[in-house]
Amino acid sequence: MKIPCSLIGKDPMLFWSQKSVQEFLPLLSRFARTIHAIPPTSASTERMFSISGWTLNNRRTNLLPSHLD
């Protein structure tokens, strides 16, 4: 398969979202768009752990860890 250089850029989502690529490689295009849609960082997970650390601290003496679970 020969892909014109004009179609290839730095953003893989733009490449796989092009109609010509989707028509030529429908299954691979759908799979690639699914994979590239996953965020590359775990910031949301880290944010949740940070919030739980604020919730359970020494100032909140009535909140037991078992209640937090």
PDB file of N, CA and C in Angstrom:
ATOM      1  N   MET A   1       0.843  -1.176   0.000  1.00  0.00           N
ATOM      2  CA  MET A   1       0.000   0.000   0.000  1.00  0.00           C
ATOM      3  C   MET A   1       0.890   1.242   0.000  1.00  0.00           C
ATOM      4  N   LYS A   2       0.614   2.124  -0.890  1.00  0.00           N
ATOM      5  CA  LYS A   2       1.353   3.378  -0.954  1.00  0.00           C
ATOM      6  C   LYS A   2       0.462   4.493  -0.417  1.00  0.00           C
ATOM      7  N   ILE A   3       0.984   5.200   0.574  1.00  0.00           N
ATOM      8  CA  ILE A   3       0.250   6.307   1.183  1.00  0.00           C
ATOM      9  C   ILE A   3       0.942   7.602   0.782  1.00  0.00           C
ATOM     10  N   PRO A   4       0.222   8.519   0.178  1.00  0.00           N
ATOM     11  CA  PRO A   4       0.834   9.799  -0.191  1.00  0.00           C
ATOM     12  C   PRO A   4       1.352  10.536   1.044  1.00  0.00           C
ATOM     13  N   CYS A   5       2.485  11.177   0.897  1.00  0.00           N
ATOM     14  CA  CYS A   5       3.092  11.923   2.010  1.00  0.00           C
ATOM     15  C   CYS A   5       2.191  13.039   2.504  1.00  0.00           C
ATOM     16  N   SER A   6       1.343  13.532   1.644  1.00  0.00           N
ATOM     17  CA  SER A   6       0.461  14.630   2.050  1.00  0.00           C
ATOM     18  C   SER A   6      -0.562  14.190   3.095  1.00  0.00           C
ATOM     19  N   LEU A   7      -0.860  12.896   3.156  1.00  0.00           N
ATOM     20  CA  LEU A   7      -1.816  12.391   4.135  1.00  0.00           C
ATOM     21  C   LEU A   7      -1.199  12.185   5.512  1.00  0.00           C
ATOM     22  N   ILE A   8       0.102  12.002   5.553  1.00  0.00           N
ATOM     23  CA  ILE A   8       0.772  11.691   6.811  1.00  0.00           C
ATOM     24  C   ILE A   8       1.188  12.977   7.506  1.00  0.00           C
ATOM     25  N   GLY A   9       0.783  13.119   8.752  1.00  0.00           N
ATOM     26  CA  GLY A   9       1.141  14.291   9.546  1.00  0.00           C
ATOM     27  C   GLY A   9       1.600  13.847  10.928  1.00  0.00           C
ATOM     28  N   LYS A  10       1.623  14.769  11.855  1.00  0.00           N
ATOM     29  CA  LYS A  10       2.066  14.467  13.207  1.00  0.00           C
ATOM     30  C   LYS A  10       0.944  13.930  14.080  1.00  0.00           C
ATOM     31  N   ASP A  11      -0.306  14.160  13.689  1.00  0.00           N
ATOM     32  CA  ASP A  11      -1.447  13.731  14.490  1.00  0.00           C
ATOM     33  C   ASP A  11      -2.044  12.458  13.888  1.00  0.00           C
ATOM     34  N   PRO A  12      -1.901  11.315  14.551  1.00  0.00           N
ATOM     35  CA  PRO A  12      -2.440  10.071  13.996  1.00  0.00           C
ATOM     36  C   PRO A  12      -3.967  10.068  13.911  1.00  0.00           C
ATOM     37  N   MET A  13      -4.645  10.799  14.813  1.00  0.00           N
ATOM     38  CA  MET A  13      -6.113  10.848  14.751  1.00  0.00           C
ATOM     39  C   MET A  13      -6.590  11.511  13.460  1.00  0.00           C
ATOM     40  N   LEU A  14      -5.881  12.541  13.011  1.00  0.00           N
ATOM     41  CA  LEU A  14      -6.257  13.187  11.751  1.00  0.00           C
ATOM     42  C   LEU A  14      -6.074  12.234  10.578  1.00  0.00           C
ATOM     43  N   PHE A  15      -4.982  11.468  10.606  1.00  0.00           N
ATOM     44  CA  PHE A  15      -4.735  10.519   9.514  1.00  0.00           C
ATOM     45  C   PHE A  15      -5.832   9.466   9.447  1.00  0.00           C
ATOM     46  N   TRP A  16      -6.116   8.825  10.602  1.00  0.00           N
ATOM     47  CA  TRP A  16      -7.083   7.736  10.612  1.00  0.00           C
ATOM     48  C   TRP A  16      -8.524   8.223  10.467  1.00  0.00           C
ATOM     49  N   SER A  17      -8.768   9.504  10.636  1.00  0.00           N
ATOM     50  CA  SER A  17     -10.120  10.055  10.494  1.00  0.00           C
ATOM     51  C   SER A  17     -10.436  10.480   9.069  1.00  0.00           C
ATOM     52  N   GLN A  18      -9.454  10.457   8.188  1.00  0.00           N
ATOM     53  CA  GLN A  18      -9.682  10.853   6.800  1.00  0.00           C
ATOM     54  C   GLN A  18     -10.544   9.816   6.090  1.00  0.00           C
ATOM     55  N   LYS A  19     -11.472  10.301   5.302  1.00  0.00           N
ATOM     56  CA  LYS A  19     -12.430   9.421   4.625  1.00  0.00           C
ATOM     57  C   LYS A  19     -11.741   8.420   3.692  1.00  0.00           C
ATOM     58  N   SER A  20     -10.694   8.840   3.004  1.00  0.00           N
ATOM     59  CA  SER A  20     -10.018   7.931   2.069  1.00  0.00           C
ATOM     60  C   SER A  20      -9.353   6.769   2.816  1.00  0.00           C
ATOM     61  N   VAL A  21      -8.789   7.042   3.979  1.00  0.00           N
ATOM     62  CA  VAL A  21      -8.159   5.987   4.770  1.00  0.00           C
ATOM     63  C   VAL A  21      -9.228   5.074   5.352  1.00  0.00           C
ATOM     64  N   GLN A  22     -10.346   5.651   5.817  1.00  0.00           N
ATOM     65  CA  GLN A  22     -11.431   4.849   6.382  1.00  0.00           C
ATOM     66  C   GLN A  22     -12.059   3.928   5.342  1.00  0.00           C
ATOM     67  N   GLU A  23     -12.136   4.389   4.101  1.00  0.00           N
ATOM     68  CA  GLU A  23     -12.709   3.553   3.036  1.00  0.00           C
ATOM     69  C   GLU A  23     -11.753   2.431   2.634  1.00  0.00           C
ATOM     70  N   PHE A  24     -10.450   2.726   2.627  1.00  0.00           N
ATOM     71  CA  PHE A  24      -9.472   1.741   2.183  1.00  0.00           C
ATOM     72  C   PHE A  24      -9.156   0.719   3.278  1.00  0.00           C
ATOM     73  N   LEU A  25      -9.112   1.159   4.531  1.00  0.00           N
ATOM     74  CA  LEU A  25      -8.796   0.289   5.667  1.00  0.00           C
ATOM     75  C   LEU A  25      -9.850   0.470   6.768  1.00  0.00           C
ATOM     76  N   PRO A  26     -11.067   0.002   6.559  1.00  0.00           N
ATOM     77  CA  PRO A  26     -12.144   0.305   7.507  1.00  0.00           C
ATOM     78  C   PRO A  26     -11.925  -0.279   8.910  1.00  0.00           C
ATOM     79  N   LEU A  27     -11.543  -1.534   9.013  1.00  0.00           N
ATOM     80  CA  LEU A  27     -11.367  -2.158  10.336  1.00  0.00           C
ATOM     81  C   LEU A  27     -10.150  -1.604  11.056  1.00  0.00           C
ATOM     82  N   LEU A  28      -9.049  -1.485  10.338  1.00  0.00           N
ATOM     83  CA  LEU A  28      -7.830  -0.952  10.947  1.00  0.00           C
ATOM     84  C   LEU A  28      -8.027   0.511  11.347  1.00  0.00           C
ATOM     85  N   SER A  29      -8.756   1.250  10.531  1.00  0.00           N
ATOM     86  CA  SER A  29      -9.027   2.649  10.843  1.00  0.00           C
ATOM     87  C   SER A  29      -9.854   2.770  12.116  1.00  0.00           C
ATOM     88  N   ARG A  30     -10.872   1.945  12.263  1.00  0.00           N
ATOM     89  CA  ARG A  30     -11.704   1.980  13.467  1.00  0.00           C
ATOM     90  C   ARG A  30     -10.889   1.601  14.693  1.00  0.00           C
ATOM     91  N   PHE A  31     -10.081   0.571  14.576  1.00  0.00           N
ATOM     92  CA  PHE A  31      -9.231   0.133  15.687  1.00  0.00           C
ATOM     93  C   PHE A  31      -8.221   1.217  16.069  1.00  0.00           C
ATOM     94  N   ALA A  32      -7.583   1.820  15.092  1.00  0.00           N
ATOM     95  CA  ALA A  32      -6.578   2.860  15.357  1.00  0.00           C
ATOM     96  C   ALA A  32      -7.201   4.076  16.026  1.00  0.00           C
ATOM     97  N   ARG A  33      -8.408   4.460  15.600  1.00  0.00           N
ATOM     98  CA  ARG A  33      -9.071   5.605  16.220  1.00  0.00           C
ATOM     99  C   ARG A  33      -9.467   5.290  17.667  1.00  0.00           C
ATOM    100  N   THR A  34      -9.809   4.046  17.941  1.00  0.00           N
ATOM    101  CA  THR A  34     -10.119   3.642  19.318  1.00  0.00           C
ATOM    102  C   THR A  34      -8.877   3.711  20.187  1.00  0.00           C
ATOM    103  N   ILE A  35      -7.761   3.186  19.683  1.00  0.00           N
ATOM    104  CA  ILE A  35      -6.515   3.173  20.452  1.00  0.00           C
ATOM    105  C   ILE A  35      -5.996   4.589  20.691  1.00  0.00           C
ATOM    106  N   HIS A  36      -6.032   5.424  19.677  1.00  0.00           N
ATOM    107  CA  HIS A  36      -5.488   6.773  19.810  1.00  0.00           C
ATOM    108  C   HIS A  36      -6.413   7.710  20.587  1.00  0.00           C
ATOM    109  N   ALA A  37      -7.633   7.286  20.874  1.00  0.00           N
ATOM    110  CA  ALA A  37      -8.553   8.108  21.661  1.00  0.00           C
ATOM    111  C   ALA A  37      -8.304   7.950  23.157  1.00  0.00           C
ATOM    112  N   ILE A  38      -7.529   6.950  23.572  1.00  0.00           N
ATOM    113  CA  ILE A  38      -7.224   6.729  24.978  1.00  0.00           C
ATOM    114  C   ILE A  38      -6.240   7.801  25.435  1.00  0.00           C
ATOM    115  N   PRO A  39      -6.533   8.486  26.538  1.00  0.00           N
ATOM    116  CA  PRO A  39      -5.600   9.528  27.003  1.00  0.00           C
ATOM    117  C   PRO A  39      -4.247   8.924  27.391  1.00  0.00           C
ATOM    118  N   PRO A  40      -3.157   9.555  27.001  1.00  0.00           N
ATOM    119  CA  PRO A  40      -1.835   8.994  27.266  1.00  0.00           C
ATOM    120  C   PRO A  40      -1.331   9.228  28.690  1.00  0.00           C
ATOM    121  N   THR A  41      -2.114   9.887  29.543  1.00  0.00           N
ATOM    122  CA  THR A  41      -1.671  10.145  30.908  1.00  0.00           C
ATOM    123  C   THR A  41      -2.632   9.530  31.903  1.00  0.00           C
ATOM    124  N   SER A  42      -2.186   9.446  33.119  1.00  0.00           N
ATOM    125  CA  SER A  42      -3.038   8.925  34.186  1.00  0.00           C
ATOM    126  C   SER A  42      -3.412  10.044  35.149  1.00  0.00           C
ATOM    127  N   ALA A  43      -3.550  11.247  34.640  1.00  0.00           N
ATOM    128  CA  ALA A  43      -3.828  12.408  35.482  1.00  0.00           C
ATOM    129  C   ALA A  43      -5.148  12.267  36.228  1.00  0.00           C
ATOM    130  N   SER A  44      -6.165  11.716  35.581  1.00  0.00           N
ATOM    131  CA  SER A  44      -7.461  11.582  36.259  1.00  0.00           C
ATOM    132  C   SER A  44      -7.369  10.603  37.425  1.00  0.00           C
ATOM    133  N   THR A  45      -6.617   9.524  37.255  1.00  0.00           N
ATOM    134  CA  THR A  45      -6.429   8.572  38.342  1.00  0.00           C
ATOM    135  C   THR A  45      -5.656   9.209  39.485  1.00  0.00           C
ATOM    136  N   GLU A  46      -4.608   9.921  39.166  1.00  0.00           N
ATOM    137  CA  GLU A  46      -3.819  10.589  40.201  1.00  0.00           C
ATOM    138  C   GLU A  46      -4.648  11.630  40.929  1.00  0.00           C
ATOM    139  N   ARG A  47      -5.531  12.302  40.217  1.00  0.00           N
ATOM    140  CA  ARG A  47      -6.400  13.299  40.831  1.00  0.00           C
ATOM    141  C   ARG A  47      -7.339  12.652  41.850  1.00  0.00           C
ATOM    142  N   MET A  48      -7.864  11.472  41.520  1.00  0.00           N
ATOM    143  CA  MET A  48      -8.761  10.772  42.447  1.00  0.00           C
ATOM    144  C   MET A  48      -8.029  10.356  43.721  1.00  0.00           C
ATOM    145  N   PHE A  49      -6.806   9.864  43.595  1.00  0.00           N
ATOM    146  CA  PHE A  49      -6.027   9.506  44.769  1.00  0.00           C
ATOM    147  C   PHE A  49      -5.733  10.738  45.613  1.00  0.00           C
ATOM    148  N   SER A  50      -5.479  11.865  44.987  1.00  0.00           N
ATOM    149  CA  SER A  50      -5.212  13.094  45.710  1.00  0.00           C
ATOM    150  C   SER A  50      -6.442  13.533  46.500  1.00  0.00           C
ATOM    151  N   ILE A  51      -7.608  13.461  45.875  1.00  0.00           N
ATOM    152  CA  ILE A  51      -8.855  13.843  46.548  1.00  0.00           C
ATOM    153  C   ILE A  51      -9.134  12.921  47.725  1.00  0.00           C
ATOM    154  N   SER A  52      -8.898  11.627  47.554  1.00  0.00           N
ATOM    155  CA  SER A  52      -9.128  10.701  48.668  1.00  0.00           C
ATOM    156  C   SER A  52      -8.154  10.975  49.808  1.00  0.00           C
ATOM    157  N   GLY A  53      -6.966  11.443  49.519  1.00  0.00           N
ATOM    158  CA  GLY A  53      -6.018  11.818  50.564  1.00  0.00           C
ATOM    159  C   GLY A  53      -6.494  13.022  51.350  1.00  0.00           C
ATOM    160  N   TRP A  54      -7.194  13.941  50.689  1.00  0.00           N
ATOM    161  CA  TRP A  54      -7.748  15.102  51.395  1.00  0.00           C
ATOM    162  C   TRP A  54      -8.930  14.690  52.273  1.00  0.00           C
ATOM    163  N   THR A  55      -9.682  13.699  51.791  1.00  0.00           N
ATOM    164  CA  THR A  55     -10.868  13.270  52.521  1.00  0.00           C
ATOM    165  C   THR A  55     -10.510  12.545  53.807  1.00  0.00           C
ATOM    166  N   LEU A  56      -9.533  11.679  53.745  1.00  0.00           N
ATOM    167  CA  LEU A  56      -9.126  10.904  54.910  1.00  0.00           C
ATOM    168  C   LEU A  56      -7.812  11.475  55.443  1.00  0.00           C
ATOM    169  N   ASN A  57      -7.906  12.271  56.492  1.00  0.00           N
ATOM    170  CA  ASN A  57      -6.705  12.830  57.102  1.00  0.00           C
ATOM    171  C   ASN A  57      -6.886  12.886  58.626  1.00  0.00           C
ATOM    172  N   ASN A  58      -5.921  13.404  59.335  1.00  0.00           N
ATOM    173  CA  ASN A  58      -5.967  13.428  60.794  1.00  0.00           C
ATOM    174  C   ASN A  58      -7.046  14.361  61.344  1.00  0.00           C
ATOM    175  N   ARG A  59      -7.452  15.352  60.589  1.00  0.00           N
ATOM    176  CA  ARG A  59      -8.479  16.282  61.063  1.00  0.00           C
ATOM    177  C   ARG A  59      -9.865  15.639  61.089  1.00  0.00           C
ATOM    178  N   ARG A  60     -10.095  14.688  60.238  1.00  0.00           N
ATOM    179  CA  ARG A  60     -11.410  14.030  60.169  1.00  0.00           C
ATOM    180  C   ARG A  60     -11.368  12.776  61.038  1.00  0.00           C
ATOM    181  N   THR A  61     -11.487  12.962  62.318  1.00  0.00           N
ATOM    182  CA  THR A  61     -11.340  11.851  63.256  1.00  0.00           C
ATOM    183  C   THR A  61     -12.559  10.940  63.281  1.00  0.00           C
ATOM    184  N   ASN A  62     -13.731  11.429  62.889  1.00  0.00           N
ATOM    185  CA  ASN A  62     -14.945  10.607  62.906  1.00  0.00           C
ATOM    186  C   ASN A  62     -15.104   9.760  61.642  1.00  0.00           C
ATOM    187  N   LEU A  63     -14.297  10.001  60.649  1.00  0.00           N
ATOM    188  CA  LEU A  63     -14.399   9.266  59.400  1.00  0.00           C
ATOM    189  C   LEU A  63     -13.404   8.098  59.438  1.00  0.00           C
ATOM    190  N   LEU A  64     -13.936   6.894  59.579  1.00  0.00           N
ATOM    191  CA  LEU A  64     -13.087   5.706  59.641  1.00  0.00           C
ATOM    192  C   LEU A  64     -12.711   5.258  58.227  1.00  0.00           C
ATOM    193  N   PRO A  65     -11.544   4.652  58.062  1.00  0.00           N
ATOM    194  CA  PRO A  65     -11.175   4.150  56.731  1.00  0.00           C
ATOM    195  C   PRO A  65     -12.189   3.145  56.173  1.00  0.00           C
ATOM    196  N   SER A  66     -12.813   2.357  57.044  1.00  0.00           N
ATOM    197  CA  SER A  66     -13.796   1.375  56.562  1.00  0.00           C
ATOM    198  C   SER A  66     -15.036   2.081  55.994  1.00  0.00           C
ATOM    199  N   HIS A  67     -15.399   3.244  56.567  1.00  0.00           N
ATOM    200  CA  HIS A  67     -16.528   4.013  56.033  1.00  0.00           C
ATOM    201  C   HIS A  67     -16.190   4.638  54.690  1.00  0.00           C
ATOM    202  N   LEU A  68     -14.936   5.017  54.529  1.00  0.00           N
ATOM    203  CA  LEU A  68     -14.497   5.618  53.284  1.00  0.00           C
ATOM    204  C   LEU A  68     -14.530   4.597  52.147  1.00  0.00           C
ATOM    205  N   ASP A  69     -14.204   3.346  52.448  1.00  0.00           N
ATOM    206  CA  ASP A  69     -14.238   2.285  51.428  1.00  0.00           C
ATOM    207  C   ASP A  69     -15.652   2.095  50.929  1.00  0.00           C
TER     208      ASP A  69
END
